[in-house]
């Protein structure tokens, strides 16, 4: 029996980010569906702003090569992303732009070979009234361009600055179940793909 491993990432570097809280709930849904989840921490894997001259001179950063390896070992992605001016944040774009660069084995193969055909699930939390839904729309297209199979389920949590209790749990049980459901959808699809079902 294949153990389904998913990589989870917060789209914000802030320690007290609303999306970090949301990611925990997304992860819980995947774990309840049988997946093992590894949290990828951008704060501990800083990458410079993508620069072709830097890449030509030094190759891809060690953190980007590590992320490529992690995706080669995992079956999918869980992402909780903020919305910045109607778009997903530069941290997400820069991280995955570096991921897409050629793997450092001299083959010239892009890092996207490790994500193509793997499921991804997205959620967003925002203090605004739209709950980050605009960021999810753009992020869905971006991840699809990289080769991820983005599950149809997605959840935006509006007015998120008042949506969590003191323990970091979503107050609204229906929203909580929906977020967990996205994680479960990714886990189930990853399992189906891994077993050829």
Protein backbone atom coordinates (compact mmCIF):
# COMPACT_ATOMS: atom_id res chain seq x y z
CA UNK A 1 0.00 0.00 0.00
CA UNK A 2 1.39 3.40 -1.03
CA UNK A 3 1.76 6.00 1.69
CA UNK A 4 0.50 9.29 0.27
CA UNK A 5 2.82 12.15 1.10
CA UNK A 6 1.76 15.75 0.55
CA UNK A 7 3.81 18.92 0.83
CA UNK A 8 2.08 21.82 2.57
CA UNK A 9 3.17 25.44 2.25
CA UNK A 10 2.00 28.71 3.77
CA UNK A 11 2.02 31.53 1.24
CA UNK A 12 3.05 34.00 3.90
CA UNK A 13 6.31 34.27 5.82
CA UNK A 14 4.62 35.95 8.80
CA UNK A 15 4.70 33.77 11.90
CA UNK A 16 1.19 34.82 12.96
CA UNK A 17 -0.27 34.79 9.47
CA UNK A 18 -3.96 34.00 9.11
CA UNK A 19 -3.02 31.63 6.31
CA UNK A 20 -0.68 29.68 8.57
CA UNK A 21 -3.67 29.03 10.82
CA UNK A 22 -5.74 28.03 7.81
CA UNK A 23 -3.00 25.71 6.55
CA UNK A 24 -3.18 23.67 9.77
CA UNK A 25 -6.85 22.99 9.11
CA UNK A 26 -6.17 22.13 5.46
CA UNK A 27 -3.43 19.73 6.59
CA UNK A 28 -5.77 18.13 9.12
CA UNK A 29 -8.26 17.33 6.37
CA UNK A 30 -5.56 15.62 4.31
CA UNK A 31 -4.31 13.66 7.31
CA UNK A 32 -7.84 12.55 8.20
CA UNK A 33 -8.06 11.20 4.65
CA UNK A 34 -4.93 9.12 5.22
CA UNK A 35 -2.12 11.33 3.91
CA UNK A 36 1.17 12.08 5.61
CA UNK A 37 1.97 15.79 5.36
CA UNK A 38 5.29 17.62 5.40
CA UNK A 39 5.13 21.36 6.03
CA UNK A 40 7.55 23.34 3.87
CA UNK A 41 8.60 26.49 5.67
CA UNK A 42 9.56 29.41 3.37
CA UNK A 43 11.15 31.25 6.31
CA UNK A 44 13.71 28.48 6.64
CA UNK A 45 14.29 28.18 2.89
CA UNK A 46 14.80 31.74 1.71
CA UNK A 47 15.41 32.28 -1.98
CA UNK A 48 16.57 35.46 -3.72
CA UNK A 49 14.30 37.21 -6.17
CA UNK A 50 14.53 35.24 -9.40
CA UNK A 51 17.37 36.62 -11.52
CA UNK A 52 18.55 34.94 -14.72
CA UNK A 53 22.06 36.40 -14.36
CA UNK A 54 22.31 35.01 -10.82
CA UNK A 55 21.15 31.61 -12.04
CA UNK A 56 23.69 31.65 -14.87
CA UNK A 57 26.50 32.56 -12.49
CA UNK A 58 25.64 30.39 -9.51
CA UNK A 59 22.96 27.91 -10.53
CA UNK A 60 19.72 27.60 -8.62
CA UNK A 61 19.77 28.31 -4.87
CA UNK A 62 20.21 25.37 -2.53
CA UNK A 63 16.71 26.01 -1.17
CA UNK A 64 15.21 25.67 -4.67
CA UNK A 65 17.08 22.42 -5.30
CA UNK A 66 15.82 21.13 -1.96
CA UNK A 67 12.24 22.02 -2.91
CA UNK A 68 12.62 20.16 -6.20
CA UNK A 69 13.81 17.09 -4.27
CA UNK A 70 10.93 17.39 -1.83
CA UNK A 71 8.40 17.42 -4.65
CA UNK A 72 10.06 14.38 -6.19
CA UNK A 73 9.31 12.60 -2.89
CA UNK A 74 5.74 13.85 -2.43
CA UNK A 75 2.48 13.20 -4.25
CA UNK A 76 0.87 16.66 -4.14
CA UNK A 77 0.62 20.16 -2.70
CA UNK A 78 -1.47 21.92 -0.07
CA UNK A 79 -1.28 25.72 -0.24
CA UNK A 80 -2.80 28.45 1.92
CA UNK A 81 -2.19 31.82 0.33
CA UNK A 82 -2.94 35.43 1.21
CA UNK A 83 -4.21 37.94 -1.32
CA UNK A 84 -2.06 40.95 -2.12
CA UNK A 85 -3.84 43.56 -4.22
CA UNK A 86 -6.06 40.95 -5.85
CA UNK A 87 -3.22 38.55 -6.59
CA UNK A 88 -1.29 35.83 -4.80
CA UNK A 89 1.89 37.04 -3.04
CA UNK A 90 5.39 37.36 -4.51
CA UNK A 91 6.62 34.72 -2.06
CA UNK A 92 4.51 32.07 -3.80
CA UNK A 93 5.43 33.21 -7.31
CA UNK A 94 9.15 33.46 -6.59
CA UNK A 95 9.26 30.08 -4.84
CA UNK A 96 7.62 28.26 -7.72
CA UNK A 97 9.50 30.23 -10.38
CA UNK A 98 12.74 28.91 -8.87
CA UNK A 99 11.21 25.43 -8.59
CA UNK A 100 10.56 25.45 -12.33
CA UNK A 101 14.22 26.03 -13.23
CA UNK A 102 16.36 23.13 -14.52
CA UNK A 103 17.22 20.52 -11.92
CA UNK A 104 20.91 20.67 -10.94
CA UNK A 105 21.95 17.33 -12.45
CA UNK A 106 23.04 18.68 -15.83
CA UNK A 107 20.14 17.03 -17.69
CA UNK A 108 18.44 20.33 -18.46
CA UNK A 109 15.11 18.93 -17.27
CA UNK A 110 12.89 21.54 -15.60
CA UNK A 111 11.96 21.24 -11.95
CA UNK A 112 8.36 20.96 -13.03
CA UNK A 113 8.99 17.30 -13.89
CA UNK A 114 8.50 16.71 -10.17
CA UNK A 115 5.06 18.37 -10.04
CA UNK A 116 3.46 17.51 -13.37
CA UNK A 117 0.29 15.53 -12.92
CA UNK A 118 0.31 15.88 -9.13
CA UNK A 119 -2.75 17.28 -7.35
CA UNK A 120 -2.79 20.62 -5.57
CA UNK A 121 -5.37 22.17 -3.28
CA UNK A 122 -5.65 25.84 -2.36
CA UNK A 123 -7.33 27.88 0.32
CA UNK A 124 -7.06 31.55 1.27
CA UNK A 125 -7.79 33.74 4.26
CA UNK A 126 -8.12 37.51 4.10
CA UNK A 127 -9.40 40.25 6.38
CA UNK A 128 -11.30 41.56 3.35
CA UNK A 129 -14.83 40.71 2.30
CA UNK A 130 -13.80 38.47 -0.62
CA UNK A 131 -11.71 36.09 1.46
CA UNK A 132 -8.81 35.93 -0.95
CA UNK A 133 -10.88 34.48 -3.78
CA UNK A 134 -9.18 36.68 -6.38
CA UNK A 135 -5.78 35.30 -5.38
CA UNK A 136 -7.09 31.75 -5.71
CA UNK A 137 -8.30 32.42 -9.25
CA UNK A 138 -4.87 33.60 -10.37
CA UNK A 139 -3.01 30.99 -8.35
CA UNK A 140 -5.10 28.20 -9.89
CA UNK A 141 -4.01 29.28 -13.37
CA UNK A 142 -0.37 29.61 -12.30
CA UNK A 143 -0.18 26.18 -10.66
CA UNK A 144 -1.95 24.64 -13.65
CA UNK A 145 0.63 26.21 -15.94
CA UNK A 146 3.35 24.48 -13.90
CA UNK A 147 1.61 21.13 -14.42
CA UNK A 148 -0.28 20.62 -11.16
CA UNK A 149 -3.77 19.14 -11.26
CA UNK A 150 -5.58 21.72 -9.12
CA UNK A 151 -8.65 20.16 -7.48
CA UNK A 152 -11.93 21.99 -8.11
CA UNK A 153 -12.58 22.52 -4.40
CA UNK A 154 -11.25 25.76 -2.95
CA UNK A 155 -12.18 27.92 0.01
CA UNK A 156 -11.73 31.61 0.70
CA UNK A 157 -12.26 32.77 4.27
CA UNK A 158 -13.47 36.41 4.41
CA UNK A 159 -13.03 38.68 7.44
CA UNK A 160 -10.46 36.18 8.60
CA UNK A 161 -9.11 38.45 11.32
CA UNK A 162 -12.22 37.49 13.30
CA UNK A 163 -12.77 33.98 11.87
CA UNK A 164 -10.45 32.09 14.24
CA UNK A 165 -10.73 31.48 17.97
CA UNK A 166 -7.88 31.84 20.47
CA UNK A 167 -6.61 28.33 19.66
CA UNK A 168 -6.44 29.07 15.93
CA UNK A 169 -9.53 27.07 15.04
CA UNK A 170 -12.09 28.34 12.56
CA UNK A 171 -15.21 29.35 14.45
CA UNK A 172 -17.62 28.49 11.64
CA UNK A 173 -17.97 24.70 11.54
CA UNK A 174 -19.18 24.68 7.93
CA UNK A 175 -16.18 26.68 6.72
CA UNK A 176 -13.89 24.46 8.78
CA UNK A 177 -15.36 21.35 7.17
CA UNK A 178 -14.97 22.90 3.72
CA UNK A 179 -11.28 23.65 4.30
CA UNK A 180 -10.70 20.14 5.61
CA UNK A 181 -12.56 18.90 2.54
CA UNK A 182 -10.04 20.52 0.20
CA UNK A 183 -7.23 18.70 1.99
CA UNK A 184 -9.15 15.44 1.80
CA UNK A 185 -9.80 15.92 -1.93
CA UNK A 186 -6.09 16.29 -2.60
CA UNK A 187 -5.27 13.22 -0.52
CA UNK A 188 -7.90 11.11 -2.27
CA UNK A 189 -6.85 12.19 -5.76
CA UNK A 190 -3.19 11.61 -4.94
CA UNK A 191 -4.05 8.11 -3.70
CA UNK A 192 -6.03 7.38 -6.85
CA UNK A 193 -3.21 8.55 -9.09
CA UNK A 194 -0.57 6.68 -7.10
CA UNK A 195 -2.45 3.39 -7.43
CA UNK A 196 -3.39 3.91 -11.07
CA UNK A 197 -7.09 4.03 -10.15
